[in-house]
Amino acid sequence: MPEFVIERNMPGVGKLGAGDLKAASQGSCSVLRELGPEIQWVNSYVTDDKIYCIYRAPNEALIRKHAEMGGFPANSISPVRAHIDPTTAD
């Protein structure tokens, strides 16, 4: 299934506490359950003012629907073209 990187501009998000992040995660998971197994949240990285999320979905439209239903931004959605890591250099 295709993977996507989603950039969410959320000023101050890095200052949120564990409880706030848990609530946001629960909201996202609730929407995912409604949308069904075609869309999967892999993981996310929280920075000072943005969240970068990795999702698997058949298309960008389903990711946009998830964001709309969840009430959070999806400022940029980019398909993953390749995976690299330190072992790629070997």
N, C-alpha and C. Protein backbone atom coordinates (compact mmCIF):
# COMPACT_ATOMS: atom_id res chain seq x y z
N MET A 1 0.85 -1.18 0.00
CA MET A 1 0.00 0.00 0.00
C MET A 1 0.89 1.24 0.00
N PRO A 2 0.54 2.28 -0.75
CA PRO A 2 1.36 3.49 -0.79
C PRO A 2 1.49 4.15 0.59
N GLU A 3 2.66 4.74 0.82
CA GLU A 3 2.89 5.50 2.04
C GLU A 3 2.98 6.98 1.70
N PHE A 4 2.59 7.80 2.67
CA PHE A 4 2.61 9.25 2.51
C PHE A 4 3.19 9.90 3.75
N VAL A 5 3.85 11.04 3.54
CA VAL A 5 4.30 11.89 4.64
C VAL A 5 3.36 13.09 4.67
N ILE A 6 2.75 13.33 5.82
CA ILE A 6 1.82 14.45 5.99
C ILE A 6 2.48 15.47 6.90
N GLU A 7 2.51 16.71 6.45
CA GLU A 7 3.04 17.81 7.25
C GLU A 7 1.85 18.61 7.78
N ARG A 8 1.80 18.72 9.10
CA ARG A 8 0.72 19.46 9.75
C ARG A 8 1.31 20.67 10.45
N ASN A 9 0.99 21.86 9.97
CA ASN A 9 1.44 23.09 10.62
C ASN A 9 0.55 23.35 11.82
N MET A 10 1.15 23.28 13.01
CA MET A 10 0.41 23.43 14.26
C MET A 10 1.28 24.21 15.25
N PRO A 11 1.30 25.55 15.14
CA PRO A 11 2.15 26.36 16.00
C PRO A 11 2.01 25.99 17.49
N GLY A 12 3.15 25.78 18.13
CA GLY A 12 3.17 25.47 19.55
C GLY A 12 2.92 24.02 19.92
N VAL A 13 2.73 23.15 18.95
CA VAL A 13 2.38 21.75 19.24
C VAL A 13 3.45 21.04 20.07
N GLY A 14 4.69 21.46 19.93
CA GLY A 14 5.77 20.84 20.68
C GLY A 14 5.69 21.09 22.18
N LYS A 15 4.88 22.04 22.57
CA LYS A 15 4.72 22.36 24.00
C LYS A 15 3.57 21.59 24.64
N LEU A 16 2.84 20.81 23.85
CA LEU A 16 1.73 20.06 24.41
C LEU A 16 2.23 18.97 25.34
N GLY A 17 1.47 18.70 26.37
CA GLY A 17 1.82 17.64 27.31
C GLY A 17 1.37 16.28 26.82
N ALA A 18 1.77 15.27 27.56
CA ALA A 18 1.44 13.89 27.21
C ALA A 18 -0.07 13.67 27.11
N GLY A 19 -0.82 14.27 28.00
CA GLY A 19 -2.28 14.11 27.98
C GLY A 19 -2.91 14.69 26.73
N ASP A 20 -2.41 15.85 26.30
CA ASP A 20 -2.93 16.47 25.07
C ASP A 20 -2.60 15.63 23.85
N LEU A 21 -1.37 15.11 23.82
CA LEU A 21 -0.97 14.27 22.68
C LEU A 21 -1.76 12.97 22.67
N LYS A 22 -2.03 12.44 23.84
CA LYS A 22 -2.85 11.22 23.93
C LYS A 22 -4.25 11.48 23.40
N ALA A 23 -4.84 12.60 23.79
CA ALA A 23 -6.19 12.94 23.32
C ALA A 23 -6.22 13.12 21.80
N ALA A 24 -5.19 13.78 21.27
CA ALA A 24 -5.12 13.96 19.82
C ALA A 24 -4.99 12.61 19.11
N SER A 25 -4.18 11.73 19.67
CA SER A 25 -4.02 10.39 19.10
C SER A 25 -5.32 9.60 19.14
N GLN A 26 -6.02 9.71 20.24
CA GLN A 26 -7.31 9.02 20.36
C GLN A 26 -8.31 9.53 19.34
N GLY A 27 -8.32 10.85 19.12
CA GLY A 27 -9.22 11.41 18.11
C GLY A 27 -8.89 10.91 16.72
N SER A 28 -7.60 10.86 16.40
CA SER A 28 -7.18 10.36 15.10
C SER A 28 -7.57 8.90 14.93
N CYS A 29 -7.33 8.09 15.96
CA CYS A 29 -7.67 6.66 15.89
C CYS A 29 -9.17 6.43 15.74
N SER A 30 -9.96 7.28 16.36
CA SER A 30 -11.41 7.17 16.24
C SER A 30 -11.85 7.37 14.79
N VAL A 31 -11.27 8.37 14.14
CA VAL A 31 -11.59 8.62 12.73
C VAL A 31 -11.10 7.46 11.87
N LEU A 32 -9.92 6.95 12.17
CA LEU A 32 -9.40 5.82 11.40
C LEU A 32 -10.34 4.62 11.47
N ARG A 33 -10.89 4.36 12.65
CA ARG A 33 -11.84 3.24 12.79
C ARG A 33 -13.07 3.47 11.92
N GLU A 34 -13.53 4.72 11.84
CA GLU A 34 -14.69 5.04 10.99
C GLU A 34 -14.38 4.81 9.52
N LEU A 35 -13.16 5.16 9.12
CA LEU A 35 -12.80 5.07 7.70
C LEU A 35 -12.48 3.64 7.26
N GLY A 36 -12.12 2.79 8.18
CA GLY A 36 -11.86 1.40 7.84
C GLY A 36 -10.39 1.09 7.62
N PRO A 37 -10.10 -0.15 7.27
CA PRO A 37 -8.71 -0.64 7.22
C PRO A 37 -7.88 -0.15 6.03
N GLU A 38 -8.47 0.57 5.11
CA GLU A 38 -7.69 1.05 3.95
C GLU A 38 -6.68 2.12 4.32
N ILE A 39 -6.85 2.78 5.46
CA ILE A 39 -5.94 3.83 5.88
C ILE A 39 -5.33 3.45 7.22
N GLN A 40 -4.02 3.59 7.31
CA GLN A 40 -3.30 3.20 8.52
C GLN A 40 -2.33 4.31 8.92
N TRP A 41 -2.31 4.62 10.20
CA TRP A 41 -1.35 5.57 10.75
C TRP A 41 -0.15 4.76 11.20
N VAL A 42 1.03 5.07 10.68
CA VAL A 42 2.25 4.35 11.02
C VAL A 42 2.90 4.97 12.25
N ASN A 43 3.23 6.26 12.18
CA ASN A 43 3.78 6.99 13.31
C ASN A 43 3.85 8.48 12.98
N SER A 44 4.22 9.27 13.98
CA SER A 44 4.31 10.71 13.80
C SER A 44 5.51 11.25 14.58
N TYR A 45 6.01 12.38 14.11
CA TYR A 45 7.11 13.08 14.75
C TYR A 45 6.63 14.49 15.10
N VAL A 46 6.69 14.83 16.38
CA VAL A 46 6.25 16.14 16.85
C VAL A 46 7.46 17.04 16.98
N THR A 47 7.43 18.20 16.31
CA THR A 47 8.47 19.21 16.45
C THR A 47 7.86 20.43 17.12
N ASP A 48 8.58 21.52 17.19
CA ASP A 48 8.06 22.70 17.87
C ASP A 48 6.73 23.18 17.31
N ASP A 49 6.64 23.27 15.98
CA ASP A 49 5.46 23.88 15.36
C ASP A 49 4.81 23.02 14.28
N LYS A 50 5.23 21.78 14.16
CA LYS A 50 4.67 20.90 13.13
C LYS A 50 4.63 19.47 13.64
N ILE A 51 3.75 18.70 13.03
CA ILE A 51 3.75 17.25 13.21
C ILE A 51 3.92 16.64 11.82
N TYR A 52 4.84 15.71 11.71
CA TYR A 52 5.06 14.97 10.48
C TYR A 52 4.56 13.55 10.71
N CYS A 53 3.61 13.13 9.89
CA CYS A 53 2.97 11.83 10.07
C CYS A 53 3.25 10.93 8.87
N ILE A 54 3.41 9.65 9.15
CA ILE A 54 3.53 8.65 8.10
C ILE A 54 2.24 7.83 8.10
N TYR A 55 1.60 7.77 6.94
CA TYR A 55 0.35 7.03 6.78
C TYR A 55 0.46 6.11 5.58
N ARG A 56 -0.29 5.03 5.62
CA ARG A 56 -0.48 4.16 4.46
C ARG A 56 -1.93 4.31 4.04
N ALA A 57 -2.13 4.54 2.76
CA ALA A 57 -3.49 4.70 2.22
C ALA A 57 -3.43 4.51 0.71
N PRO A 58 -4.56 4.15 0.11
CA PRO A 58 -4.55 3.94 -1.34
C PRO A 58 -4.37 5.24 -2.13
N ASN A 59 -4.71 6.38 -1.50
CA ASN A 59 -4.61 7.65 -2.22
C ASN A 59 -4.61 8.84 -1.25
N GLU A 60 -4.25 9.99 -1.77
CA GLU A 60 -4.19 11.22 -0.99
C GLU A 60 -5.57 11.67 -0.53
N ALA A 61 -6.58 11.40 -1.33
CA ALA A 61 -7.94 11.84 -1.00
C ALA A 61 -8.41 11.26 0.34
N LEU A 62 -8.08 10.01 0.60
CA LEU A 62 -8.50 9.39 1.86
C LEU A 62 -7.77 10.02 3.05
N ILE A 63 -6.52 10.40 2.85
CA ILE A 63 -5.78 11.09 3.90
C ILE A 63 -6.40 12.46 4.17
N ARG A 64 -6.78 13.16 3.13
CA ARG A 64 -7.44 14.46 3.31
C ARG A 64 -8.78 14.30 4.03
N LYS A 65 -9.51 13.25 3.71
CA LYS A 65 -10.78 13.00 4.39
C LYS A 65 -10.55 12.75 5.87
N HIS A 66 -9.53 11.98 6.21
CA HIS A 66 -9.19 11.72 7.61
C HIS A 66 -8.91 13.04 8.34
N ALA A 67 -8.11 13.90 7.74
CA ALA A 67 -7.78 15.19 8.35
C ALA A 67 -9.03 16.05 8.54
N GLU A 68 -9.87 16.09 7.52
CA GLU A 68 -11.10 16.87 7.59
C GLU A 68 -12.02 16.36 8.70
N MET A 69 -12.21 15.06 8.75
CA MET A 69 -13.08 14.49 9.77
C MET A 69 -12.51 14.68 11.18
N GLY A 70 -11.18 14.64 11.29
CA GLY A 70 -10.53 14.78 12.59
C GLY A 70 -10.35 16.21 13.03
N GLY A 71 -10.51 17.15 12.10
CA GLY A 71 -10.37 18.56 12.44
C GLY A 71 -8.94 19.02 12.62
N PHE A 72 -8.00 18.38 11.93
CA PHE A 72 -6.62 18.83 12.01
C PHE A 72 -6.08 19.05 10.60
N PRO A 73 -5.04 19.90 10.48
CA PRO A 73 -4.55 20.26 9.15
C PRO A 73 -3.77 19.14 8.47
N ALA A 74 -3.77 19.20 7.17
CA ALA A 74 -2.89 18.38 6.34
C ALA A 74 -2.33 19.33 5.29
N ASN A 75 -1.35 20.15 5.71
CA ASN A 75 -0.85 21.22 4.86
C ASN A 75 -0.09 20.71 3.65
N SER A 76 0.54 19.57 3.80
CA SER A 76 1.28 18.98 2.69
C SER A 76 1.18 17.46 2.81
N ILE A 77 0.89 16.82 1.69
CA ILE A 77 0.85 15.36 1.63
C ILE A 77 1.74 14.94 0.47
N SER A 78 2.77 14.17 0.79
CA SER A 78 3.74 13.76 -0.23
C SER A 78 3.86 12.24 -0.25
N PRO A 79 3.77 11.64 -1.43
CA PRO A 79 3.97 10.20 -1.51
C PRO A 79 5.43 9.84 -1.25
N VAL A 80 5.65 8.76 -0.52
CA VAL A 80 7.00 8.26 -0.27
C VAL A 80 7.44 7.48 -1.51
N ARG A 81 8.59 7.85 -2.04
CA ARG A 81 9.09 7.20 -3.25
C ARG A 81 10.13 6.11 -2.94
N ALA A 82 10.81 6.25 -1.80
CA ALA A 82 11.82 5.26 -1.43
C ALA A 82 12.12 5.40 0.07
N HIS A 83 12.64 4.33 0.64
CA HIS A 83 13.10 4.33 2.03
C HIS A 83 14.60 4.19 2.00
N ILE A 84 15.29 5.02 2.77
CA ILE A 84 16.73 4.87 2.93
C ILE A 84 17.06 4.98 4.41
N ASP A 85 18.17 4.38 4.79
CA ASP A 85 18.68 4.45 6.15
C ASP A 85 20.17 4.15 6.08
N PRO A 86 20.87 4.09 7.21
CA PRO A 86 22.31 3.84 7.15
C PRO A 86 22.70 2.55 6.41
N THR A 87 21.83 1.56 6.41
CA THR A 87 22.16 0.32 5.71
C THR A 87 22.14 0.49 4.19
N THR A 88 21.51 1.54 3.70
CA THR A 88 21.49 1.81 2.27
C THR A 88 22.91 2.06 1.76
N ALA A 89 23.77 2.56 2.61
CA ALA A 89 25.16 2.86 2.23
C ALA A 89 26.01 1.61 2.07
N ASP A 90 25.56 0.51 2.61
CA ASP A 90 26.35 -0.74 2.53
C ASP A 90 26.35 -1.35 1.17
